[in-house]
Amino acid sequence: MEAIDVLLEHWQKNGLSRIQVAENFSKCSLYVTCEPCIMCAGSLSILGMLIESDYMMKEVYYGCANDKFGGCGSILSLHSSSSKLLAR
């Protein structure tokens, strides 16, 4: 999440509009060693909703499943949840 914060701050400092930030974010792929936990996967989903509901992170790649806390399919599938449900 730290890398995403730095990236968003950089884009905003460069004067990109909310839509431009959302478009850039939707072109990004995240590479991590272990499947994001439920909290991180939920944060990624909410971040996409807060930036612009039509734009989500393009892809998340991980090297191994997180059998205890995985939020991208091992325990919960937050990546496939509708962001509109989170807004209610």
PDB file of N, CA and C in Angstrom:
ATOM      1  N   MET A   1       0.820  -1.186   0.000  1.00  0.00           N
ATOM      2  CA  MET A   1       0.000   0.000   0.000  1.00  0.00           C
ATOM      3  C   MET A   1       0.873   1.263   0.000  1.00  0.00           C
ATOM      4  N   GLU A   2       2.053   1.173   0.574  1.00  0.00           N
ATOM      5  CA  GLU A   2       2.968   2.325   0.600  1.00  0.00           C
ATOM      6  C   GLU A   2       3.316   2.775  -0.819  1.00  0.00           C
ATOM      7  N   ALA A   3       3.586   1.817  -1.699  1.00  0.00           N
ATOM      8  CA  ALA A   3       3.936   2.156  -3.083  1.00  0.00           C
ATOM      9  C   ALA A   3       2.771   2.847  -3.784  1.00  0.00           C
ATOM     10  N   ILE A   4       1.570   2.420  -3.514  1.00  0.00           N
ATOM     11  CA  ILE A   4       0.388   3.031  -4.132  1.00  0.00           C
ATOM     12  C   ILE A   4       0.215   4.457  -3.622  1.00  0.00           C
ATOM     13  N   ASP A   5       0.435   4.662  -2.313  1.00  0.00           N
ATOM     14  CA  ASP A   5       0.350   6.017  -1.759  1.00  0.00           C
ATOM     15  C   ASP A   5       1.354   6.956  -2.422  1.00  0.00           C
ATOM     16  N   VAL A   6       2.582   6.486  -2.604  1.00  0.00           N
ATOM     17  CA  VAL A   6       3.626   7.302  -3.234  1.00  0.00           C
ATOM     18  C   VAL A   6       3.247   7.633  -4.677  1.00  0.00           C
ATOM     19  N   LEU A   7       2.740   6.650  -5.389  1.00  0.00           N
ATOM     20  CA  LEU A   7       2.347   6.846  -6.783  1.00  0.00           C
ATOM     21  C   LEU A   7       1.207   7.854  -6.897  1.00  0.00           C
ATOM     22  N   LEU A   8       0.187   7.716  -6.073  1.00  0.00           N
ATOM     23  CA  LEU A   8      -0.941   8.646  -6.113  1.00  0.00           C
ATOM     24  C   LEU A   8      -0.505  10.064  -5.750  1.00  0.00           C
ATOM     25  N   GLU A   9       0.356  10.176  -4.747  1.00  0.00           N
ATOM     26  CA  GLU A   9       0.859  11.500  -4.348  1.00  0.00           C
ATOM     27  C   GLU A   9       1.653  12.141  -5.483  1.00  0.00           C
ATOM     28  N   HIS A  10       2.478  11.361  -6.161  1.00  0.00           N
ATOM     29  CA  HIS A  10       3.275  11.864  -7.286  1.00  0.00           C
ATOM     30  C   HIS A  10       2.365  12.386  -8.400  1.00  0.00           C
ATOM     31  N   TRP A  11       1.350  11.602  -8.737  1.00  0.00           N
ATOM     32  CA  TRP A  11       0.425  12.036  -9.796  1.00  0.00           C
ATOM     33  C   TRP A  11      -0.307  13.312  -9.405  1.00  0.00           C
ATOM     34  N   GLN A  12      -0.729  13.404  -8.161  1.00  0.00           N
ATOM     35  CA  GLN A  12      -1.458  14.586  -7.719  1.00  0.00           C
ATOM     36  C   GLN A  12      -0.557  15.821  -7.682  1.00  0.00           C
ATOM     37  N   LYS A  13       0.698  15.641  -7.285  1.00  0.00           N
ATOM     38  CA  LYS A  13       1.651  16.758  -7.280  1.00  0.00           C
ATOM     39  C   LYS A  13       1.912  17.272  -8.686  1.00  0.00           C
ATOM     40  N   ASN A  14       1.817  16.397  -9.664  1.00  0.00           N
ATOM     41  CA  ASN A  14       2.022  16.789 -11.059  1.00  0.00           C
ATOM     42  C   ASN A  14       0.770  17.407 -11.679  1.00  0.00           C
ATOM     43  N   GLY A  15      -0.256  17.613 -10.876  1.00  0.00           N
ATOM     44  CA  GLY A  15      -1.440  18.320 -11.330  1.00  0.00           C
ATOM     45  C   GLY A  15      -2.432  17.495 -12.127  1.00  0.00           C
ATOM     46  N   LEU A  16      -2.343  16.176 -12.035  1.00  0.00           N
ATOM     47  CA  LEU A  16      -3.306  15.348 -12.756  1.00  0.00           C
ATOM     48  C   LEU A  16      -4.681  15.454 -12.105  1.00  0.00           C
ATOM     49  N   SER A  17      -5.702  15.467 -12.921  1.00  0.00           N
ATOM     50  CA  SER A  17      -7.067  15.510 -12.411  1.00  0.00           C
ATOM     51  C   SER A  17      -7.438  14.151 -11.824  1.00  0.00           C
ATOM     52  N   ARG A  18      -8.554  14.097 -11.137  1.00  0.00           N
ATOM     53  CA  ARG A  18      -9.036  12.842 -10.546  1.00  0.00           C
ATOM     54  C   ARG A  18      -9.230  11.775 -11.623  1.00  0.00           C
ATOM     55  N   ILE A  19      -9.778  12.164 -12.767  1.00  0.00           N
ATOM     56  CA  ILE A  19      -9.993  11.221 -13.872  1.00  0.00           C
ATOM     57  C   ILE A  19      -8.653  10.737 -14.423  1.00  0.00           C
ATOM     58  N   GLN A  20      -7.685  11.626 -14.585  1.00  0.00           N
ATOM     59  CA  GLN A  20      -6.363  11.217 -15.090  1.00  0.00           C
ATOM     60  C   GLN A  20      -5.673  10.267 -14.116  1.00  0.00           C
ATOM     61  N   VAL A  21      -5.789  10.528 -12.820  1.00  0.00           N
ATOM     62  CA  VAL A  21      -5.223   9.627 -11.818  1.00  0.00           C
ATOM     63  C   VAL A  21      -5.908   8.260 -11.909  1.00  0.00           C
ATOM     64  N   ALA A  22      -7.237   8.268 -12.047  1.00  0.00           N
ATOM     65  CA  ALA A  22      -7.987   7.013 -12.160  1.00  0.00           C
ATOM     66  C   ALA A  22      -7.578   6.230 -13.401  1.00  0.00           C
ATOM     67  N   GLU A  23      -7.406   6.937 -14.519  1.00  0.00           N
ATOM     68  CA  GLU A  23      -6.990   6.259 -15.753  1.00  0.00           C
ATOM     69  C   GLU A  23      -5.596   5.653 -15.589  1.00  0.00           C
ATOM     70  N   ASN A  24      -4.677   6.383 -14.984  1.00  0.00           N
ATOM     71  CA  ASN A  24      -3.331   5.856 -14.747  1.00  0.00           C
ATOM     72  C   ASN A  24      -3.372   4.652 -13.814  1.00  0.00           C
ATOM     73  N   PHE A  25      -4.162   4.744 -12.765  1.00  0.00           N
ATOM     74  CA  PHE A  25      -4.286   3.657 -11.805  1.00  0.00           C
ATOM     75  C   PHE A  25      -4.813   2.391 -12.479  1.00  0.00           C
ATOM     76  N   SER A  26      -5.744   2.547 -13.402  1.00  0.00           N
ATOM     77  CA  SER A  26      -6.332   1.381 -14.074  1.00  0.00           C
ATOM     78  C   SER A  26      -5.358   0.702 -15.036  1.00  0.00           C
ATOM     79  N   LYS A  27      -4.253   1.346 -15.353  1.00  0.00           N
ATOM     80  CA  LYS A  27      -3.232   0.757 -16.223  1.00  0.00           C
ATOM     81  C   LYS A  27      -2.135   0.043 -15.429  1.00  0.00           C
ATOM     82  N   CYS A  28      -2.195   0.145 -14.108  1.00  0.00           N
ATOM     83  CA  CYS A  28      -1.143  -0.420 -13.250  1.00  0.00           C
ATOM     84  C   CYS A  28      -1.407  -1.883 -12.920  1.00  0.00           C
ATOM     85  N   SER A  29      -0.340  -2.628 -12.816  1.00  0.00           N
ATOM     86  CA  SER A  29      -0.379  -3.996 -12.310  1.00  0.00           C
ATOM     87  C   SER A  29       0.447  -4.029 -11.036  1.00  0.00           C
ATOM     88  N   LEU A  30      -0.042  -4.750 -10.036  1.00  0.00           N
ATOM     89  CA  LEU A  30       0.646  -4.874  -8.756  1.00  0.00           C
ATOM     90  C   LEU A  30       1.280  -6.256  -8.676  1.00  0.00           C
ATOM     91  N   TYR A  31       2.567  -6.298  -8.364  1.00  0.00           N
ATOM     92  CA  TYR A  31       3.301  -7.559  -8.203  1.00  0.00           C
ATOM     93  C   TYR A  31       3.740  -7.673  -6.747  1.00  0.00           C
ATOM     94  N   VAL A  32       3.320  -8.743  -6.069  1.00  0.00           N
ATOM     95  CA  VAL A  32       3.699  -8.981  -4.678  1.00  0.00           C
ATOM     96  C   VAL A  32       4.085 -10.440  -4.499  1.00  0.00           C
ATOM     97  N   THR A  33       4.851 -10.722  -3.449  1.00  0.00           N
ATOM     98  CA  THR A  33       5.300 -12.098  -3.234  1.00  0.00           C
ATOM     99  C   THR A  33       4.186 -12.999  -2.726  1.00  0.00           C
ATOM    100  N   CYS A  34       3.314 -12.460  -1.881  1.00  0.00           N
ATOM    101  CA  CYS A  34       2.241 -13.254  -1.282  1.00  0.00           C
ATOM    102  C   CYS A  34       0.893 -12.580  -1.567  1.00  0.00           C
ATOM    103  N   GLU A  35      -0.134 -13.388  -1.712  1.00  0.00           N
ATOM    104  CA  GLU A  35      -1.484 -12.885  -1.972  1.00  0.00           C
ATOM    105  C   GLU A  35      -1.852 -11.804  -0.953  1.00  0.00           C
ATOM    106  N   PRO A  36      -2.402 -10.668  -1.415  1.00  0.00           N
ATOM    107  CA  PRO A  36      -2.804  -9.619  -0.480  1.00  0.00           C
ATOM    108  C   PRO A  36      -3.801 -10.148   0.561  1.00  0.00           C
ATOM    109  N   CYS A  37      -3.636  -9.700   1.793  1.00  0.00           N
ATOM    110  CA  CYS A  37      -4.549 -10.106   2.856  1.00  0.00           C
ATOM    111  C   CYS A  37      -5.930  -9.487   2.592  1.00  0.00           C
ATOM    112  N   ILE A  38      -6.879  -9.900   3.385  1.00  0.00           N
ATOM    113  CA  ILE A  38      -8.250  -9.405   3.230  1.00  0.00           C
ATOM    114  C   ILE A  38      -8.300  -7.883   3.364  1.00  0.00           C
ATOM    115  N   MET A  39      -7.556  -7.340   4.326  1.00  0.00           N
ATOM    116  CA  MET A  39      -7.566  -5.887   4.540  1.00  0.00           C
ATOM    117  C   MET A  39      -6.976  -5.152   3.339  1.00  0.00           C
ATOM    118  N   CYS A  40      -5.843  -5.626   2.818  1.00  0.00           N
ATOM    119  CA  CYS A  40      -5.203  -4.963   1.668  1.00  0.00           C
ATOM    120  C   CYS A  40      -6.037  -5.113   0.405  1.00  0.00           C
ATOM    121  N   ALA A  41      -6.591  -6.302   0.181  1.00  0.00           N
ATOM    122  CA  ALA A  41      -7.446  -6.507  -0.991  1.00  0.00           C
ATOM    123  C   ALA A  41      -8.685  -5.618  -0.910  1.00  0.00           C
ATOM    124  N   GLY A  42      -9.251  -5.498   0.292  1.00  0.00           N
ATOM    125  CA  GLY A  42     -10.395  -4.607   0.476  1.00  0.00           C
ATOM    126  C   GLY A  42     -10.017  -3.157   0.231  1.00  0.00           C
ATOM    127  N   SER A  43      -8.834  -2.762   0.696  1.00  0.00           N
ATOM    128  CA  SER A  43      -8.365  -1.388   0.485  1.00  0.00           C
ATOM    129  C   SER A  43      -8.186  -1.089  -1.000  1.00  0.00           C
ATOM    130  N   LEU A  44      -7.630  -2.045  -1.740  1.00  0.00           N
ATOM    131  CA  LEU A  44      -7.466  -1.851  -3.188  1.00  0.00           C
ATOM    132  C   LEU A  44      -8.822  -1.686  -3.862  1.00  0.00           C
ATOM    133  N   SER A  45      -9.791  -2.480  -3.434  1.00  0.00           N
ATOM    134  CA  SER A  45     -11.128  -2.386  -4.011  1.00  0.00           C
ATOM    135  C   SER A  45     -11.773  -1.037  -3.688  1.00  0.00           C
ATOM    136  N   ILE A  46     -11.667  -0.613  -2.434  1.00  0.00           N
ATOM    137  CA  ILE A  46     -12.236   0.676  -2.025  1.00  0.00           C
ATOM    138  C   ILE A  46     -11.511   1.829  -2.697  1.00  0.00           C
ATOM    139  N   LEU A  47     -10.193   1.732  -2.824  1.00  0.00           N
ATOM    140  CA  LEU A  47      -9.414   2.780  -3.492  1.00  0.00           C
ATOM    141  C   LEU A  47      -9.908   2.989  -4.919  1.00  0.00           C
ATOM    142  N   GLY A  48     -10.148   1.908  -5.629  1.00  0.00           N
ATOM    143  CA  GLY A  48     -10.686   2.021  -6.985  1.00  0.00           C
ATOM    144  C   GLY A  48     -12.038   2.701  -6.998  1.00  0.00           C
ATOM    145  N   MET A  49     -12.872   2.396  -6.012  1.00  0.00           N
ATOM    146  CA  MET A  49     -14.195   3.007  -5.928  1.00  0.00           C
ATOM    147  C   MET A  49     -14.088   4.496  -5.608  1.00  0.00           C
ATOM    148  N   LEU A  50     -13.166   4.861  -4.718  1.00  0.00           N
ATOM    149  CA  LEU A  50     -13.037   6.261  -4.316  1.00  0.00           C
ATOM    150  C   LEU A  50     -12.444   7.126  -5.415  1.00  0.00           C
ATOM    151  N   ILE A  51     -11.520   6.562  -6.183  1.00  0.00           N
ATOM    152  CA  ILE A  51     -10.908   7.344  -7.251  1.00  0.00           C
ATOM    153  C   ILE A  51     -11.921   7.570  -8.364  1.00  0.00           C
ATOM    154  N   GLU A  52     -12.515   6.530  -8.834  1.00  0.00           N
ATOM    155  CA  GLU A  52     -13.526   6.621  -9.902  1.00  0.00           C
ATOM    156  C   GLU A  52     -14.067   5.213 -10.085  1.00  0.00           C
ATOM    157  N   SER A  53     -15.367   5.041  -9.972  1.00  0.00           N
ATOM    158  CA  SER A  53     -15.954   3.702  -9.932  1.00  0.00           C
ATOM    159  C   SER A  53     -15.678   2.868 -11.181  1.00  0.00           C
ATOM    160  N   ASP A  54     -15.400   3.497 -12.317  1.00  0.00           N
ATOM    161  CA  ASP A  54     -15.152   2.738 -13.543  1.00  0.00           C
ATOM    162  C   ASP A  54     -13.709   2.282 -13.678  1.00  0.00           C
ATOM    163  N   TYR A  55     -12.828   2.718 -12.772  1.00  0.00           N
ATOM    164  CA  TYR A  55     -11.412   2.399 -12.884  1.00  0.00           C
ATOM    165  C   TYR A  55     -10.947   1.619 -11.668  1.00  0.00           C
ATOM    166  N   MET A  56     -10.387   0.463 -11.907  1.00  0.00           N
ATOM    167  CA  MET A  56      -9.798  -0.355 -10.850  1.00  0.00           C
ATOM    168  C   MET A  56      -8.388  -0.713 -11.289  1.00  0.00           C
ATOM    169  N   MET A  57      -7.582  -1.192 -10.363  1.00  0.00           N
ATOM    170  CA  MET A  57      -6.237  -1.638 -10.725  1.00  0.00           C
ATOM    171  C   MET A  57      -6.360  -2.751 -11.762  1.00  0.00           C
ATOM    172  N   LYS A  58      -5.505  -2.700 -12.776  1.00  0.00           N
ATOM    173  CA  LYS A  58      -5.582  -3.632 -13.894  1.00  0.00           C
ATOM    174  C   LYS A  58      -5.456  -5.085 -13.435  1.00  0.00           C
ATOM    175  N   GLU A  59      -4.382  -5.406 -12.718  1.00  0.00           N
ATOM    176  CA  GLU A  59      -4.140  -6.786 -12.304  1.00  0.00           C
ATOM    177  C   GLU A  59      -3.316  -6.813 -11.031  1.00  0.00           C
ATOM    178  N   VAL A  60      -3.479  -7.887 -10.273  1.00  0.00           N
ATOM    179  CA  VAL A  60      -2.639  -8.148  -9.107  1.00  0.00           C
ATOM    180  C   VAL A  60      -2.032  -9.532  -9.297  1.00  0.00           C
ATOM    181  N   TYR A  61      -0.709  -9.592  -9.290  1.00  0.00           N
ATOM    182  CA  TYR A  61       0.014 -10.862  -9.414  1.00  0.00           C
ATOM    183  C   TYR A  61       0.678 -11.174  -8.085  1.00  0.00           C
ATOM    184  N   TYR A  62       0.562 -12.425  -7.651  1.00  0.00           N
ATOM    185  CA  TYR A  62       1.246 -12.819  -6.423  1.00  0.00           C
ATOM    186  C   TYR A  62       1.864 -14.199  -6.595  1.00  0.00           C
ATOM    187  N   GLY A  63       2.957 -14.439  -5.848  1.00  0.00           N
ATOM    188  CA  GLY A  63       3.728 -15.670  -5.987  1.00  0.00           C
ATOM    189  C   GLY A  63       3.152 -16.857  -5.253  1.00  0.00           C
ATOM    190  N   CYS A  64       2.489 -16.618  -4.114  1.00  0.00           N
ATOM    191  CA  CYS A  64       1.920 -17.740  -3.355  1.00  0.00           C
ATOM    192  C   CYS A  64       0.610 -17.303  -2.714  1.00  0.00           C
ATOM    193  N   ALA A  65      -0.240 -18.283  -2.481  1.00  0.00           N
ATOM    194  CA  ALA A  65      -1.524 -18.021  -1.846  1.00  0.00           C
ATOM    195  C   ALA A  65      -1.322 -17.721  -0.364  1.00  0.00           C
ATOM    196  N   ASN A  66      -2.259 -17.002   0.207  1.00  0.00           N
ATOM    197  CA  ASN A  66      -2.258 -16.692   1.638  1.00  0.00           C
ATOM    198  C   ASN A  66      -3.403 -17.498   2.249  1.00  0.00           C
ATOM    199  N   ASP A  67      -3.103 -18.724   2.695  1.00  0.00           N
ATOM    200  CA  ASP A  67      -4.124 -19.666   3.151  1.00  0.00           C
ATOM    201  C   ASP A  67      -4.869 -19.240   4.405  1.00  0.00           C
ATOM    202  N   LYS A  68      -4.313 -18.294   5.157  1.00  0.00           N
ATOM    203  CA  LYS A  68      -4.980 -17.841   6.385  1.00  0.00           C
ATOM    204  C   LYS A  68      -5.772 -16.561   6.199  1.00  0.00           C
ATOM    205  N   PHE A  69      -5.243 -15.630   5.377  1.00  0.00           N
ATOM    206  CA  PHE A  69      -5.849 -14.300   5.304  1.00  0.00           C
ATOM    207  C   PHE A  69      -6.031 -13.788   3.882  1.00  0.00           C
ATOM    208  N   GLY A  70      -5.961 -14.653   2.880  1.00  0.00           N
ATOM    209  CA  GLY A  70      -5.991 -14.226   1.482  1.00  0.00           C
ATOM    210  C   GLY A  70      -7.283 -13.548   1.068  1.00  0.00           C
ATOM    211  N   GLY A  71      -7.143 -12.391   0.448  1.00  0.00           N
ATOM    212  CA  GLY A  71      -8.306 -11.624   0.007  1.00  0.00           C
ATOM    213  C   GLY A  71      -8.535 -11.650  -1.489  1.00  0.00           C
ATOM    214  N   CYS A  72      -7.735 -12.436  -2.222  1.00  0.00           N
ATOM    215  CA  CYS A  72      -7.882 -12.507  -3.681  1.00  0.00           C
ATOM    216  C   CYS A  72      -8.194 -13.932  -4.142  1.00  0.00           C
ATOM    217  N   GLY A  73      -8.923 -14.670  -3.330  1.00  0.00           N
ATOM    218  CA  GLY A  73      -9.356 -16.000  -3.749  1.00  0.00           C
ATOM    219  C   GLY A  73      -9.117 -17.111  -2.754  1.00  0.00           C
ATOM    220  N   SER A  74      -8.085 -17.031  -1.922  1.00  0.00           N
ATOM    221  CA  SER A  74      -7.816 -18.126  -0.983  1.00  0.00           C
ATOM    222  C   SER A  74      -8.873 -18.224   0.111  1.00  0.00           C
ATOM    223  N   ILE A  75      -9.229 -17.104   0.720  1.00  0.00           N
ATOM    224  CA  ILE A  75     -10.252 -17.070   1.764  1.00  0.00           C
ATOM    225  C   ILE A  75     -11.485 -16.317   1.258  1.00  0.00           C
ATOM    226  N   LEU A  76     -11.290 -15.103   0.828  1.00  0.00           N
ATOM    227  CA  LEU A  76     -12.355 -14.283   0.232  1.00  0.00           C
ATOM    228  C   LEU A  76     -11.912 -13.834  -1.152  1.00  0.00           C
ATOM    229  N   SER A  77     -12.879 -13.493  -1.970  1.00  0.00           N
ATOM    230  CA  SER A  77     -12.581 -13.013  -3.326  1.00  0.00           C
ATOM    231  C   SER A  77     -13.007 -11.561  -3.454  1.00  0.00           C
ATOM    232  N   LEU A  78     -12.319 -10.695  -2.737  1.00  0.00           N
ATOM    233  CA  LEU A  78     -12.677  -9.278  -2.739  1.00  0.00           C
ATOM    234  C   LEU A  78     -12.417  -8.623  -4.085  1.00  0.00           C
ATOM    235  N   HIS A  79     -11.519  -9.194  -4.877  1.00  0.00           N
ATOM    236  CA  HIS A  79     -11.219  -8.640  -6.199  1.00  0.00           C
ATOM    237  C   HIS A  79     -12.405  -8.778  -7.153  1.00  0.00           C
ATOM    238  N   SER A  80     -13.318  -9.696  -6.867  1.00  0.00           N
ATOM    239  CA  SER A  80     -14.458  -9.877  -7.762  1.00  0.00           C
ATOM    240  C   SER A  80     -15.736  -9.274  -7.198  1.00  0.00           C
ATOM    241  N   SER A  81     -15.652  -8.641  -6.014  1.00  0.00           N
ATOM    242  CA  SER A  81     -16.814  -8.001  -5.415  1.00  0.00           C
ATOM    243  C   SER A  81     -17.126  -6.700  -6.122  1.00  0.00           C
ATOM    244  N   SER A  82     -18.383  -6.383  -6.164  1.00  0.00           N
ATOM    245  CA  SER A  82     -18.810  -5.130  -6.790  1.00  0.00           C
ATOM    246  C   SER A  82     -18.509  -3.961  -5.873  1.00  0.00           C
ATOM    247  N   SER A  83     -17.840  -2.928  -6.394  1.00  0.00           N
ATOM    248  CA  SER A  83     -17.557  -1.744  -5.590  1.00  0.00           C
ATOM    249  C   SER A  83     -18.841  -1.003  -5.247  1.00  0.00           C
ATOM    250  N   LYS A  84     -19.901  -1.163  -6.011  1.00  0.00           N
ATOM    251  CA  LYS A  84     -21.168  -0.503  -5.718  1.00  0.00           C
ATOM    252  C   LYS A  84     -21.743  -1.030  -4.414  1.00  0.00           C
ATOM    253  N   LEU A  85     -21.486  -2.307  -4.092  1.00  0.00           N
ATOM    254  CA  LEU A  85     -21.971  -2.855  -2.840  1.00  0.00           C
ATOM    255  C   LEU A  85     -21.251  -2.212  -1.657  1.00  0.00           C
ATOM    256  N   LEU A  86     -19.983  -1.863  -1.824  1.00  0.00           N
ATOM    257  CA  LEU A  86     -19.216  -1.229  -0.755  1.00  0.00           C
ATOM    258  C   LEU A  86     -19.710   0.186  -0.468  1.00  0.00           C
ATOM    259  N   ALA A  87     -20.296   0.827  -1.446  1.00  0.00           N
ATOM    260  CA  ALA A  87     -20.719   2.215  -1.301  1.00  0.00           C
ATOM    261  C   ALA A  87     -22.012   2.343  -0.516  1.00  0.00           C
ATOM    262  N   ARG A  88     -22.732   1.281  -0.360  1.00  0.00           N
ATOM    263  CA  ARG A  88     -24.038   1.355   0.327  1.00  0.00           C
ATOM    264  C   ARG A  88     -23.929   1.419   1.803  1.00  0.00           C
TER     265      ARG A  88
END
